[in-house]
Amino acid sequence: MLAQQTGPPTPPTIQFNQRDARPVSVSPFSFSSNQCDAHGDVFFDLVGRIVEAGNILRVSQDGQRVDRVRLPADLGEEGEWHFSVDPDGTLYAIFSHADDQRLIQFSSSNEEVRRTGLQLPPSFHPRSFAVSQNGSLMIFGSVAVNETSPATNQTPLTVWLDADGRLIRKTVQGKNFDLSSDRTETLIASGGVYTFIATTDSTIEVSSPRGELLQTFPLLKPTKDSHPLSLQLVNGVIAINFSYPDRSASGKAESTNKPSLPYFGPLAQTWLLVNASNGEPEGFYQMPHDFVGSALCYAGNHEFLYFQVKDGHPSLVRASKFP
């Protein structure tokens, strides 16, 4: 059944007023991306896509348990890695090199338990994916427009595969783009056993493991030039973290906001919470302007986790709207 909502009222913007920092029991580190499970555990990509042993760090919500996940070292050094975490905390990683695409599943003790070859279109570049509780996959990526076009000229493609990595369906989604661009409009998360959740540039879409569109909700953005950075489903709530130019910090009026112009100033982050059953937006949530750090997770019950380094020490910061 397709549910469609149009023209929802603008949700309120709520500033957090409660914070506590929990030191992480590890030396300072930097990361290029992160994902979280429904328990609030955070998975940090320490070195990006280039293969290097031990490049994912798993940190518990209280910062006390720190585990290093070592990716397989026998797949070569020229591939790219992308990882995804399901709500239960199972970690999956896709290795991609030319037409060699493999899904690696890790146990709760961070050991490799399964490898699955993926029947993806030729020269497919994965960008975001999720694995459902029954093992099926939904992957957003891209392929070259044609064999004679430059390699950077790409067609966006979303594919669905079964638990054995066999292709079920593929659809073109969106306009062609340059592979070197930071295309972040499409993110994918597991919606449980029977559904996936994905963002587009203007919608939130719920689909079945076979690629059937079940629900569509409008995607509200805090600003026109916002880009989604992360997508979660926690206790029936869809949480989307947006990043956008913080023009108030740079002294420029919001009216000068022109997404087509290059911007090299500070960035702001805002969360959007959406009811997963009907698409109704609850509100935008954000830190006070003087906070310096990065948004990580929605932990449920209107609590959020942020990452901060202060006096050389990393910590997880808990934020809530409650006094």
C-alpha atoms as a PDB file:
ATOM      1  CA  MET A   1       0.000   0.000   0.000  1.00  0.00           C
ATOM      2  CA  LEU A   2       1.404   3.365  -1.022  1.00  0.00           C
ATOM      3  CA  ALA A   3       0.987   6.157   1.521  1.00  0.00           C
ATOM      4  CA  GLN A   4       1.640   9.659   0.290  1.00  0.00           C
ATOM      5  CA  GLN A   5       1.709  12.868   2.304  1.00  0.00           C
ATOM      6  CA  THR A   6       2.004  16.317   0.831  1.00  0.00           C
ATOM      7  CA  GLY A   7       2.485  19.727   2.371  1.00  0.00           C
ATOM      8  CA  PRO A   8       3.121  18.804   6.040  1.00  0.00           C
ATOM      9  CA  PRO A   9       3.423  21.675   8.508  1.00  0.00           C
ATOM     10  CA  THR A  10       6.951  22.806   9.331  1.00  0.00           C
ATOM     11  CA  PRO A  11       8.011  21.041  12.539  1.00  0.00           C
ATOM     12  CA  PRO A  12       9.416  23.002  15.484  1.00  0.00           C
ATOM     13  CA  THR A  13      13.156  23.475  15.999  1.00  0.00           C
ATOM     14  CA  ILE A  14      14.298  22.364  19.440  1.00  0.00           C
ATOM     15  CA  GLN A  15      17.668  23.250  20.966  1.00  0.00           C
ATOM     16  CA  PHE A  16      19.232  20.778  23.371  1.00  0.00           C
ATOM     17  CA  ASN A  17      19.601  21.964  26.940  1.00  0.00           C
ATOM     18  CA  GLN A  18      21.159  18.939  28.645  1.00  0.00           C
ATOM     19  CA  ARG A  19      24.650  17.619  27.980  1.00  0.00           C
ATOM     20  CA  ASP A  20      27.095  15.272  29.697  1.00  0.00           C
ATOM     21  CA  ALA A  21      30.419  14.043  28.361  1.00  0.00           C
ATOM     22  CA  ARG A  22      31.582  10.446  28.632  1.00  0.00           C
ATOM     23  CA  PRO A  23      35.339  10.000  28.002  1.00  0.00           C
ATOM     24  CA  VAL A  24      36.303   7.367  25.447  1.00  0.00           C
ATOM     25  CA  SER A  25      38.971   5.022  26.789  1.00  0.00           C
ATOM     26  CA  VAL A  26      41.235   5.297  23.743  1.00  0.00           C
ATOM     27  CA  SER A  27      43.855   7.663  22.382  1.00  0.00           C
ATOM     28  CA  PRO A  28      42.577  10.570  20.239  1.00  0.00           C
ATOM     29  CA  PHE A  29      41.539   9.490  16.746  1.00  0.00           C
ATOM     30  CA  SER A  30      40.025  10.937  13.602  1.00  0.00           C
ATOM     31  CA  PHE A  31      37.368   9.374  11.383  1.00  0.00           C
ATOM     32  CA  SER A  32      35.807   9.954   7.991  1.00  0.00           C
ATOM     33  CA  SER A  33      32.332   8.566   8.750  1.00  0.00           C
ATOM     34  CA  ASN A  34      30.360   6.737  11.395  1.00  0.00           C
ATOM     35  CA  GLN A  35      27.262   4.590  11.866  1.00  0.00           C
ATOM     36  CA  CYS A  36      25.317   3.542  14.940  1.00  0.00           C
ATOM     37  CA  ASP A  37      23.124   0.673  16.041  1.00  0.00           C
ATOM     38  CA  ALA A  38      19.889   0.913  18.009  1.00  0.00           C
ATOM     39  CA  HIS A  39      21.785   0.429  21.290  1.00  0.00           C
ATOM     40  CA  GLY A  40      23.848   3.579  20.804  1.00  0.00           C
ATOM     41  CA  ASP A  41      27.106   1.814  19.952  1.00  0.00           C
ATOM     42  CA  VAL A  42      29.127   3.858  17.448  1.00  0.00           C
ATOM     43  CA  PHE A  43      31.202   2.443  14.576  1.00  0.00           C
ATOM     44  CA  PHE A  44      33.913   4.816  13.330  1.00  0.00           C
ATOM     45  CA  ASP A  45      35.623   4.512   9.931  1.00  0.00           C
ATOM     46  CA  LEU A  46      39.135   5.547  10.910  1.00  0.00           C
ATOM     47  CA  VAL A  47      40.880   5.614   7.548  1.00  0.00           C
ATOM     48  CA  GLY A  48      38.174   5.899   4.915  1.00  0.00           C
ATOM     49  CA  ARG A  49      37.782   3.506   2.029  1.00  0.00           C
ATOM     50  CA  ILE A  50      41.373   2.351   1.506  1.00  0.00           C
ATOM     51  CA  VAL A  51      41.995  -1.115   2.931  1.00  0.00           C
ATOM     52  CA  GLU A  52      44.008  -1.127   6.143  1.00  0.00           C
ATOM     53  CA  ALA A  53      43.841  -3.695   8.912  1.00  0.00           C
ATOM     54  CA  GLY A  54      41.750  -2.540  11.847  1.00  0.00           C
ATOM     55  CA  ASN A  55      40.149   0.502  10.285  1.00  0.00           C
ATOM     56  CA  ILE A  56      36.758   0.332  12.065  1.00  0.00           C
ATOM     57  CA  LEU A  57      36.468   1.225  15.730  1.00  0.00           C
ATOM     58  CA  ARG A  58      33.412   0.176  17.743  1.00  0.00           C
ATOM     59  CA  VAL A  59      32.715   2.264  20.854  1.00  0.00           C
ATOM     60  CA  SER A  60      29.936   1.626  23.353  1.00  0.00           C
ATOM     61  CA  GLN A  61      27.541   4.447  24.237  1.00  0.00           C
ATOM     62  CA  ASP A  62      29.237   5.004  27.593  1.00  0.00           C
ATOM     63  CA  GLY A  63      32.660   5.163  25.930  1.00  0.00           C
ATOM     64  CA  GLN A  64      34.095   2.383  28.097  1.00  0.00           C
ATOM     65  CA  ARG A  65      34.124  -0.524  25.625  1.00  0.00           C
ATOM     66  CA  VAL A  66      36.331  -0.010  22.580  1.00  0.00           C
ATOM     67  CA  ASP A  67      36.826  -2.758  19.983  1.00  0.00           C
ATOM     68  CA  ARG A  68      38.864  -2.685  16.798  1.00  0.00           C
ATOM     69  CA  VAL A  69      37.377  -4.469  13.777  1.00  0.00           C
ATOM     70  CA  ARG A  70      39.974  -5.799  11.350  1.00  0.00           C
ATOM     71  CA  LEU A  71      38.860  -6.028   7.745  1.00  0.00           C
ATOM     72  CA  PRO A  72      40.145  -8.983   5.676  1.00  0.00           C
ATOM     73  CA  ALA A  73      43.639  -8.405   4.323  1.00  0.00           C
ATOM     74  CA  ASP A  74      43.479 -11.030   1.564  1.00  0.00           C
ATOM     75  CA  LEU A  75      41.300  -9.104  -0.910  1.00  0.00           C
ATOM     76  CA  GLY A  76      44.004  -6.769  -2.169  1.00  0.00           C
ATOM     77  CA  GLU A  77      44.921  -3.182  -1.513  1.00  0.00           C
ATOM     78  CA  GLU A  78      43.223  -1.455  -4.448  1.00  0.00           C
ATOM     79  CA  GLY A  79      39.572  -1.924  -3.540  1.00  0.00           C
ATOM     80  CA  GLU A  80      37.142   0.314  -1.710  1.00  0.00           C
ATOM     81  CA  TRP A  81      35.302  -0.531   1.489  1.00  0.00           C
ATOM     82  CA  HIS A  82      31.832   0.591   2.551  1.00  0.00           C
ATOM     83  CA  PHE A  83      30.240  -0.515   5.793  1.00  0.00           C
ATOM     84  CA  SER A  84      26.768  -0.702   7.284  1.00  0.00           C
ATOM     85  CA  VAL A  85      25.434  -1.510  10.755  1.00  0.00           C
ATOM     86  CA  ASP A  86      22.010  -3.002  11.369  1.00  0.00           C
ATOM     87  CA  PRO A  87      19.908  -2.020  14.410  1.00  0.00           C
ATOM     88  CA  ASP A  88      21.034  -5.103  16.354  1.00  0.00           C
ATOM     89  CA  GLY A  89      24.692  -4.131  15.953  1.00  0.00           C
ATOM     90  CA  THR A  90      25.742  -6.581  13.245  1.00  0.00           C
ATOM     91  CA  LEU A  91      28.470  -5.072  11.090  1.00  0.00           C
ATOM     92  CA  TYR A  92      28.581  -5.615   7.328  1.00  0.00           C
ATOM     93  CA  ALA A  93      31.226  -4.406   4.881  1.00  0.00           C
ATOM     94  CA  ILE A  94      31.241  -4.408   1.077  1.00  0.00           C
ATOM     95  CA  PHE A  95      34.576  -4.810  -0.689  1.00  0.00           C
ATOM     96  CA  SER A  96      34.484  -3.363  -4.202  1.00  0.00           C
ATOM     97  CA  HIS A  97      37.205  -3.593  -6.849  1.00  0.00           C
ATOM     98  CA  ALA A  98      36.281  -3.532 -10.552  1.00  0.00           C
ATOM     99  CA  ASP A  99      33.613  -6.260 -10.852  1.00  0.00           C
ATOM    100  CA  ASP A 100      34.663  -8.076  -7.678  1.00  0.00           C
ATOM    101  CA  GLN A 101      31.992  -7.158  -5.115  1.00  0.00           C
ATOM    102  CA  ARG A 102      31.738  -9.045  -1.833  1.00  0.00           C
ATOM    103  CA  LEU A 103      29.723  -8.685   1.349  1.00  0.00           C
ATOM    104  CA  ILE A 104      31.527  -9.504   4.602  1.00  0.00           C
ATOM    105  CA  GLN A 105      29.537 -10.163   7.767  1.00  0.00           C
ATOM    106  CA  PHE A 106      31.095  -9.827  11.230  1.00  0.00           C
ATOM    107  CA  SER A 107      30.009 -11.388  14.521  1.00  0.00           C
ATOM    108  CA  SER A 108      29.324  -9.478  17.736  1.00  0.00           C
ATOM    109  CA  SER A 109      32.906 -10.351  18.720  1.00  0.00           C
ATOM    110  CA  ASN A 110      34.092  -8.596  15.515  1.00  0.00           C
ATOM    111  CA  GLU A 111      35.197 -11.787  13.752  1.00  0.00           C
ATOM    112  CA  GLU A 112      34.408 -12.519  10.104  1.00  0.00           C
ATOM    113  CA  VAL A 113      31.621 -15.100   9.839  1.00  0.00           C
ATOM    114  CA  ARG A 114      30.541 -15.026   6.186  1.00  0.00           C
ATOM    115  CA  ARG A 115      31.494 -13.846   2.711  1.00  0.00           C
ATOM    116  CA  THR A 116      28.923 -13.480  -0.044  1.00  0.00           C
ATOM    117  CA  GLY A 117      29.636 -12.675  -3.684  1.00  0.00           C
ATOM    118  CA  LEU A 118      27.296  -9.981  -5.007  1.00  0.00           C
ATOM    119  CA  GLN A 119      25.805 -10.130  -8.506  1.00  0.00           C
ATOM    120  CA  LEU A 120      25.923  -6.406  -9.181  1.00  0.00           C
ATOM    121  CA  PRO A 121      25.870  -4.660 -12.581  1.00  0.00           C
ATOM    122  CA  PRO A 122      29.289  -4.354 -14.283  1.00  0.00           C
ATOM    123  CA  SER A 123      31.493  -1.540 -12.902  1.00  0.00           C
ATOM    124  CA  PHE A 124      28.971  -0.765 -10.165  1.00  0.00           C
ATOM    125  CA  HIS A 125      30.226   1.688  -7.503  1.00  0.00           C
ATOM    126  CA  PRO A 126      28.469   1.156  -4.124  1.00  0.00           C
ATOM    127  CA  ARG A 127      27.847   4.294  -2.073  1.00  0.00           C
ATOM    128  CA  SER A 128      25.285   3.380   0.604  1.00  0.00           C
ATOM    129  CA  PHE A 129      23.697   0.064   1.582  1.00  0.00           C
ATOM    130  CA  ALA A 130      21.837  -1.834   4.267  1.00  0.00           C
ATOM    131  CA  VAL A 131      21.171  -5.477   5.108  1.00  0.00           C
ATOM    132  CA  SER A 132      17.775  -6.566   6.433  1.00  0.00           C
ATOM    133  CA  GLN A 133      17.320  -9.101   9.219  1.00  0.00           C
ATOM    134  CA  ASN A 134      16.548 -11.810   6.637  1.00  0.00           C
ATOM    135  CA  GLY A 135      19.852 -11.159   4.853  1.00  0.00           C
ATOM    136  CA  SER A 136      18.566  -9.316   1.771  1.00  0.00           C
ATOM    137  CA  LEU A 137      20.358  -6.162   0.615  1.00  0.00           C
ATOM    138  CA  MET A 138      19.473  -2.766  -0.784  1.00  0.00           C
ATOM    139  CA  ILE A 139      22.396  -0.848  -2.284  1.00  0.00           C
ATOM    140  CA  PHE A 140      22.614   2.616  -3.800  1.00  0.00           C
ATOM    141  CA  GLY A 141      25.466   3.241  -6.212  1.00  0.00           C
ATOM    142  CA  SER A 142      26.247   4.180  -9.771  1.00  0.00           C
ATOM    143  CA  VAL A 143      27.466   2.889 -13.124  1.00  0.00           C
ATOM    144  CA  ALA A 144      29.108   4.661 -16.062  1.00  0.00           C
ATOM    145  CA  VAL A 145      26.591   6.308 -18.412  1.00  0.00           C
ATOM    146  CA  ASN A 146      28.106   4.339 -21.289  1.00  0.00           C
ATOM    147  CA  GLU A 147      31.400   2.762 -22.262  1.00  0.00           C
ATOM    148  CA  THR A 148      32.543   5.780 -24.266  1.00  0.00           C
ATOM    149  CA  SER A 149      31.736   8.444 -21.661  1.00  0.00           C
ATOM    150  CA  PRO A 150      34.296   9.586 -19.083  1.00  0.00           C
ATOM    151  CA  ALA A 151      34.503   7.258 -16.104  1.00  0.00           C
ATOM    152  CA  THR A 152      33.312  10.043 -13.831  1.00  0.00           C
ATOM    153  CA  ASN A 153      30.003  10.482 -15.690  1.00  0.00           C
ATOM    154  CA  GLN A 154      27.710   8.204 -13.698  1.00  0.00           C
ATOM    155  CA  THR A 155      24.087   7.057 -13.647  1.00  0.00           C
ATOM    156  CA  PRO A 156      22.610   6.580 -10.141  1.00  0.00           C
ATOM    157  CA  LEU A 157      21.343   3.059  -9.595  1.00  0.00           C
ATOM    158  CA  THR A 158      19.567   1.331  -6.718  1.00  0.00           C
ATOM    159  CA  VAL A 159      19.620  -2.474  -6.551  1.00  0.00           C
ATOM    160  CA  TRP A 160      18.007  -5.136  -4.378  1.00  0.00           C
ATOM    161  CA  LEU A 161      19.622  -8.546  -3.812  1.00  0.00           C
ATOM    162  CA  ASP A 162      18.577 -11.663  -1.935  1.00  0.00           C
ATOM    163  CA  ALA A 163      20.481 -13.201   0.972  1.00  0.00           C
ATOM    164  CA  ASP A 164      22.695 -15.146  -1.453  1.00  0.00           C
ATOM    165  CA  GLY A 165      23.723 -11.984  -3.312  1.00  0.00           C
ATOM    166  CA  ARG A 166      21.556 -12.605  -6.384  1.00  0.00           C
ATOM    167  CA  LEU A 167      20.153  -9.559  -8.144  1.00  0.00           C
ATOM    168  CA  ILE A 168      16.389  -9.135  -7.720  1.00  0.00           C
ATOM    169  CA  ARG A 169      15.738  -5.659  -9.105  1.00  0.00           C
ATOM    170  CA  LYS A 170      17.507  -2.501 -10.191  1.00  0.00           C
ATOM    171  CA  THR A 171      16.164   0.993 -10.826  1.00  0.00           C
ATOM    172  CA  VAL A 172      17.654   4.277 -11.981  1.00  0.00           C
ATOM    173  CA  GLN A 173      17.076   6.886  -9.302  1.00  0.00           C
ATOM    174  CA  GLY A 174      17.914  10.529  -9.872  1.00  0.00           C
ATOM    175  CA  LYS A 175      19.948  12.433 -12.439  1.00  0.00           C
ATOM    176  CA  ASN A 176      23.394  11.595 -13.794  1.00  0.00           C
ATOM    177  CA  PHE A 177      26.246  13.020 -11.753  1.00  0.00           C
ATOM    178  CA  ASP A 178      30.005  13.253 -11.562  1.00  0.00           C
ATOM    179  CA  LEU A 179      31.580  10.427  -9.564  1.00  0.00           C
ATOM    180  CA  SER A 180      33.964  12.880  -7.904  1.00  0.00           C
ATOM    181  CA  SER A 181      31.051  14.799  -6.381  1.00  0.00           C
ATOM    182  CA  ASP A 182      30.028  14.165  -2.790  1.00  0.00           C
ATOM    183  CA  ARG A 183      26.581  12.815  -3.593  1.00  0.00           C
ATOM    184  CA  THR A 184      24.858  12.233  -0.236  1.00  0.00           C
ATOM    185  CA  GLU A 185      21.153  12.601  -1.005  1.00  0.00           C
ATOM    186  CA  THR A 186      20.561   8.833  -1.025  1.00  0.00           C
ATOM    187  CA  LEU A 187      21.136   6.971   2.225  1.00  0.00           C
ATOM    188  CA  ILE A 188      19.796   3.517   3.089  1.00  0.00           C
ATOM    189  CA  ALA A 189      18.941   1.885   6.421  1.00  0.00           C
ATOM    190  CA  SER A 190      17.356  -1.379   7.462  1.00  0.00           C
ATOM    191  CA  GLY A 191      13.697  -1.095   8.394  1.00  0.00           C
ATOM    192  CA  GLY A 192      13.599  -4.516  10.057  1.00  0.00           C
ATOM    193  CA  VAL A 193      12.916  -7.928   8.548  1.00  0.00           C
ATOM    194  CA  TYR A 194      10.714  -6.872   5.650  1.00  0.00           C
ATOM    195  CA  THR A 195      11.552  -3.268   4.736  1.00  0.00           C
ATOM    196  CA  PHE A 196      14.298  -0.827   3.827  1.00  0.00           C
ATOM    197  CA  ILE A 197      14.269   2.939   4.354  1.00  0.00           C
ATOM    198  CA  ALA A 198      16.008   5.323   1.950  1.00  0.00           C
ATOM    199  CA  THR A 199      16.285   9.055   1.431  1.00  0.00           C
ATOM    200  CA  THR A 200      16.203  10.814  -1.924  1.00  0.00           C
ATOM    201  CA  ASP A 201      16.683  14.519  -2.551  1.00  0.00           C
ATOM    202  CA  SER A 202      13.038  15.182  -1.570  1.00  0.00           C
ATOM    203  CA  THR A 203      11.485  12.026  -0.087  1.00  0.00           C
ATOM    204  CA  ILE A 204      11.798   9.231   2.451  1.00  0.00           C
ATOM    205  CA  GLU A 205      10.936   5.918   0.804  1.00  0.00           C
ATOM    206  CA  VAL A 206      10.079   2.567   2.368  1.00  0.00           C
ATOM    207  CA  SER A 207      10.535  -0.469   0.125  1.00  0.00           C
ATOM    208  CA  SER A 208      10.282  -4.242   0.400  1.00  0.00           C
ATOM    209  CA  PRO A 209      13.273  -6.607   0.042  1.00  0.00           C
ATOM    210  CA  ARG A 210      12.160  -7.120  -3.577  1.00  0.00           C
ATOM    211  CA  GLY A 211      12.258  -3.412  -4.386  1.00  0.00           C
ATOM    212  CA  GLU A 212       8.511  -2.743  -4.168  1.00  0.00           C
ATOM    213  CA  LEU A 213       7.734   0.798  -3.025  1.00  0.00           C
ATOM    214  CA  LEU A 214       5.527   0.601   0.069  1.00  0.00           C
ATOM    215  CA  GLN A 215       5.426   4.141   1.460  1.00  0.00           C
ATOM    216  CA  THR A 216       6.649   7.590   0.480  1.00  0.00           C
ATOM    217  CA  PHE A 217       6.972  10.558   2.825  1.00  0.00           C
ATOM    218  CA  PRO A 218       8.226  14.098   2.140  1.00  0.00           C
ATOM    219  CA  LEU A 219      11.797  14.808   3.251  1.00  0.00           C
ATOM    220  CA  LEU A 220      11.905  18.129   5.071  1.00  0.00           C
ATOM    221  CA  LYS A 221      15.271  19.858   5.201  1.00  0.00           C
ATOM    222  CA  PRO A 222      16.412  22.509   7.689  1.00  0.00           C
ATOM    223  CA  THR A 223      17.790  24.608   4.790  1.00  0.00           C
ATOM    224  CA  LYS A 224      17.677  24.358   1.005  1.00  0.00           C
ATOM    225  CA  ASP A 225      21.351  23.441   0.794  1.00  0.00           C
ATOM    226  CA  SER A 226      21.179  20.729   3.473  1.00  0.00           C
ATOM    227  CA  HIS A 227      22.567  17.253   2.791  1.00  0.00           C
ATOM    228  CA  PRO A 228      21.712  14.128   4.821  1.00  0.00           C
ATOM    229  CA  LEU A 229      24.732  12.565   6.512  1.00  0.00           C
ATOM    230  CA  SER A 230      23.176   9.642   8.372  1.00  0.00           C
ATOM    231  CA  LEU A 231      19.918   7.696   8.529  1.00  0.00           C
ATOM    232  CA  GLN A 232      18.630   5.509  11.367  1.00  0.00           C
ATOM    233  CA  LEU A 233      15.474   3.710  12.454  1.00  0.00           C
ATOM    234  CA  VAL A 234      15.166   3.508  16.245  1.00  0.00           C
ATOM    235  CA  ASN A 235      12.020   2.389  18.069  1.00  0.00           C
ATOM    236  CA  GLY A 236       9.718   3.343  15.212  1.00  0.00           C
ATOM    237  CA  VAL A 237      11.368   6.735  14.641  1.00  0.00           C
ATOM    238  CA  ILE A 238      13.353   7.699  11.541  1.00  0.00           C
ATOM    239  CA  ALA A 239      16.296   9.942  12.462  1.00  0.00           C
ATOM    240  CA  ILE A 240      18.141  11.902   9.767  1.00  0.00           C
ATOM    241  CA  ASN A 241      21.187  14.042  10.467  1.00  0.00           C
ATOM    242  CA  PHE A 242      21.691  16.979   8.076  1.00  0.00           C
ATOM    243  CA  SER A 243      24.749  19.113   7.406  1.00  0.00           C
ATOM    244  CA  TYR A 244      24.584  22.585   5.863  1.00  0.00           C
ATOM    245  CA  PRO A 245      26.588  25.828   5.637  1.00  0.00           C
ATOM    246  CA  ASP A 246      26.523  27.743   8.913  1.00  0.00           C
ATOM    247  CA  ARG A 247      26.264  31.191   7.414  1.00  0.00           C
ATOM    248  CA  SER A 248      25.288  32.796  10.692  1.00  0.00           C
ATOM    249  CA  ALA A 249      28.703  31.817  12.071  1.00  0.00           C
ATOM    250  CA  SER A 250      30.445  33.352   9.057  1.00  0.00           C
ATOM    251  CA  GLY A 251      28.501  36.584   9.419  1.00  0.00           C
ATOM    252  CA  LYS A 252      26.481  36.163   6.228  1.00  0.00           C
ATOM    253  CA  ALA A 253      22.738  36.526   6.120  1.00  0.00           C
ATOM    254  CA  GLU A 254      20.657  33.469   5.380  1.00  0.00           C
ATOM    255  CA  SER A 255      19.260  35.261   2.336  1.00  0.00           C
ATOM    256  CA  THR A 256      22.674  34.913   0.679  1.00  0.00           C
ATOM    257  CA  ASN A 257      22.311  31.147   0.774  1.00  0.00           C
ATOM    258  CA  LYS A 258      22.883  30.011  -2.817  1.00  0.00           C
ATOM    259  CA  PRO A 259      23.590  26.264  -3.072  1.00  0.00           C
ATOM    260  CA  SER A 260      25.179  26.694  -6.494  1.00  0.00           C
ATOM    261  CA  LEU A 261      28.023  28.789  -5.077  1.00  0.00           C
ATOM    262  CA  PRO A 262      31.097  27.170  -3.513  1.00  0.00           C
ATOM    263  CA  TYR A 263      31.127  27.347   0.269  1.00  0.00           C
ATOM    264  CA  PHE A 264      34.202  26.798   2.418  1.00  0.00           C
ATOM    265  CA  GLY A 265      33.013  28.042   5.798  1.00  0.00           C
ATOM    266  CA  PRO A 266      31.853  26.250   8.957  1.00  0.00           C
ATOM    267  CA  LEU A 267      29.078  23.661   8.815  1.00  0.00           C
ATOM    268  CA  ALA A 268      26.082  23.210  11.094  1.00  0.00           C
ATOM    269  CA  GLN A 269      24.198  19.984  11.851  1.00  0.00           C
ATOM    270  CA  THR A 270      20.527  19.383  12.623  1.00  0.00           C
ATOM    271  CA  TRP A 271      18.529  16.221  13.316  1.00  0.00           C
ATOM    272  CA  LEU A 272      15.078  15.529  11.909  1.00  0.00           C
ATOM    273  CA  LEU A 273      12.870  12.968  13.667  1.00  0.00           C
ATOM    274  CA  VAL A 274      10.025  11.399  11.676  1.00  0.00           C
ATOM    275  CA  ASN A 275       7.318   8.935  12.743  1.00  0.00           C
ATOM    276  CA  ALA A 276       8.067   5.813  10.685  1.00  0.00           C
ATOM    277  CA  SER A 277       4.439   4.658  10.532  1.00  0.00           C
ATOM    278  CA  ASN A 278       2.894   7.799   9.035  1.00  0.00           C
ATOM    279  CA  GLY A 279       5.793  10.063   8.011  1.00  0.00           C
ATOM    280  CA  GLU A 280       4.787  12.827  10.415  1.00  0.00           C
ATOM    281  CA  PRO A 281       7.814  14.976  11.343  1.00  0.00           C
ATOM    282  CA  GLU A 282       8.319  15.460  15.082  1.00  0.00           C
ATOM    283  CA  GLY A 283      10.819  18.270  14.908  1.00  0.00           C
ATOM    284  CA  PHE A 284      14.330  19.480  14.175  1.00  0.00           C
ATOM    285  CA  TYR A 285      16.872  19.049  16.976  1.00  0.00           C
ATOM    286  CA  GLN A 286      20.235  20.773  17.285  1.00  0.00           C
ATOM    287  CA  MET A 287      23.027  21.666  19.660  1.00  0.00           C
ATOM    288  CA  PRO A 288      23.563  25.233  20.938  1.00  0.00           C
ATOM    289  CA  HIS A 289      25.609  27.321  18.540  1.00  0.00           C
ATOM    290  CA  ASP A 290      28.679  27.339  20.814  1.00  0.00           C
ATOM    291  CA  PHE A 291      29.051  23.539  20.792  1.00  0.00           C
ATOM    292  CA  VAL A 292      32.068  22.239  18.865  1.00  0.00           C
ATOM    293  CA  GLY A 293      31.733  18.615  17.819  1.00  0.00           C
ATOM    294  CA  SER A 294      30.113  16.146  15.403  1.00  0.00           C
ATOM    295  CA  ALA A 295      26.691  14.499  15.517  1.00  0.00           C
ATOM    296  CA  LEU A 296      26.837  10.696  15.765  1.00  0.00           C
ATOM    297  CA  CYS A 297      23.631   8.874  16.726  1.00  0.00           C
ATOM    298  CA  TYR A 298      20.035   9.035  17.676  1.00  0.00           C
ATOM    299  CA  ALA A 299      19.859   6.828  20.780  1.00  0.00           C
ATOM    300  CA  GLY A 300      16.076   6.827  21.201  1.00  0.00           C
ATOM    301  CA  ASN A 301      13.848   8.595  23.740  1.00  0.00           C
ATOM    302  CA  HIS A 302      14.869  11.969  22.311  1.00  0.00           C
ATOM    303  CA  GLU A 303      18.513  11.465  23.265  1.00  0.00           C
ATOM    304  CA  PHE A 304      21.392  12.007  20.848  1.00  0.00           C
ATOM    305  CA  LEU A 305      25.113  11.290  20.857  1.00  0.00           C
ATOM    306  CA  TYR A 306      27.842  13.648  19.671  1.00  0.00           C
ATOM    307  CA  PHE A 307      31.614  13.320  19.385  1.00  0.00           C
ATOM    308  CA  GLN A 308      33.903  15.934  20.880  1.00  0.00           C
ATOM    309  CA  VAL A 309      37.623  16.320  21.490  1.00  0.00           C
ATOM    310  CA  LYS A 310      38.427  18.636  24.379  1.00  0.00           C
ATOM    311  CA  ASP A 311      41.892  19.229  25.811  1.00  0.00           C
ATOM    312  CA  GLY A 312      43.131  16.390  23.614  1.00  0.00           C
ATOM    313  CA  HIS A 313      40.685  13.826  24.994  1.00  0.00           C
ATOM    314  CA  PRO A 314      37.851  12.275  22.902  1.00  0.00           C
ATOM    315  CA  SER A 315      34.442  11.900  24.472  1.00  0.00           C
ATOM    316  CA  LEU A 316      30.864  11.003  23.625  1.00  0.00           C
ATOM    317  CA  VAL A 317      28.436  13.772  24.542  1.00  0.00           C
ATOM    318  CA  ARG A 318      24.827  12.960  25.385  1.00  0.00           C
ATOM    319  CA  ALA A 319      22.260  15.598  24.453  1.00  0.00           C
ATOM    320  CA  SER A 320      18.547  15.748  25.212  1.00  0.00           C
ATOM    321  CA  LYS A 321      15.691  18.218  24.920  1.00  0.00           C
ATOM    322  CA  PHE A 322      14.665  17.518  28.515  1.00  0.00           C
ATOM    323  CA  PRO A 323      15.782  19.803  31.377  1.00  0.00           C
END
